[in-house]
Amino acid sequence: MNTVATVKLDLYPERTYNIDFIAYPDHFFMIYQYQKGNILHCMTVKMDADAKKWPSR
């Protein structure tokens, strides 16, 4: 496996605690947790193979 490109993701906040990836052949999910105030949030983003947000349908 070789690195094709390095993509800087700026969609998650600074106080991010955990990032996980679930990969599929044509897309992947990025699941991340961040803290805002005293509340811990969990968010999911679906992206294509080029690390661009998957269009919502």
Protein backbone atom coordinates (compact mmCIF):
# COMPACT_ATOMS: atom_id res chain seq x y z
CA MET A 1 0.00 0.00 0.00
CA ASN A 2 1.32 3.44 -0.95
CA THR A 3 0.28 6.94 0.08
CA VAL A 4 -1.49 8.62 -2.83
CA ALA A 5 -2.15 12.01 -1.22
CA THR A 6 -2.15 13.70 2.15
CA VAL A 7 -5.42 15.52 2.82
CA LYS A 8 -5.75 17.91 5.76
CA LEU A 9 -9.19 17.58 7.32
CA ASP A 10 -10.49 20.74 8.98
CA LEU A 11 -14.01 19.62 9.79
CA TYR A 12 -13.47 18.51 13.38
CA PRO A 13 -12.89 20.82 16.39
CA GLU A 14 -9.62 21.30 18.30
CA ARG A 15 -10.64 19.34 21.40
CA THR A 16 -11.10 16.03 19.59
CA TYR A 17 -10.54 12.96 21.76
CA ASN A 18 -11.00 9.96 19.50
CA ILE A 19 -11.13 9.39 15.74
CA ASP A 20 -12.02 6.04 14.17
CA PHE A 21 -12.36 5.03 10.53
CA ILE A 22 -14.60 2.37 9.01
CA ALA A 23 -13.51 1.63 5.45
CA TYR A 24 -15.53 0.28 2.52
CA PRO A 25 -14.40 -0.20 -1.11
CA ASP A 26 -15.75 3.15 -2.39
CA HIS A 27 -16.16 5.26 0.78
CA PHE A 28 -15.38 5.42 4.48
CA PHE A 29 -16.91 6.73 7.70
CA MET A 30 -14.95 8.93 10.08
CA ILE A 31 -16.33 8.82 13.61
CA TYR A 32 -14.98 11.40 16.03
CA GLN A 33 -15.65 12.59 19.57
CA TYR A 34 -15.11 16.14 20.77
CA GLN A 35 -15.85 18.14 23.89
CA LYS A 36 -17.80 21.40 23.87
CA GLY A 37 -18.21 22.85 27.33
CA ASN A 38 -18.74 19.88 29.63
CA ILE A 39 -20.58 17.77 27.00
CA LEU A 40 -18.88 15.07 24.92
CA HIS A 41 -20.29 14.85 21.37
CA CYS A 42 -19.97 11.99 18.87
CA MET A 43 -20.23 12.75 15.14
CA THR A 44 -19.96 10.73 11.92
CA VAL A 45 -18.91 11.92 8.46
CA LYS A 46 -19.20 9.83 5.30
CA MET A 47 -16.43 10.52 2.76
CA ASP A 48 -15.52 9.23 -0.67
CA ALA A 49 -12.19 7.64 -1.58
CA ASP A 50 -10.62 11.12 -2.11
CA ALA A 51 -11.56 12.25 1.45
CA LYS A 52 -14.32 14.56 0.22
CA LYS A 53 -17.67 14.63 2.00
CA TRP A 54 -20.09 12.17 0.46
CA PRO A 55 -23.09 13.95 -1.06
CA SER A 56 -26.24 13.54 1.00
CA ARG A 57 -29.25 12.08 -0.74
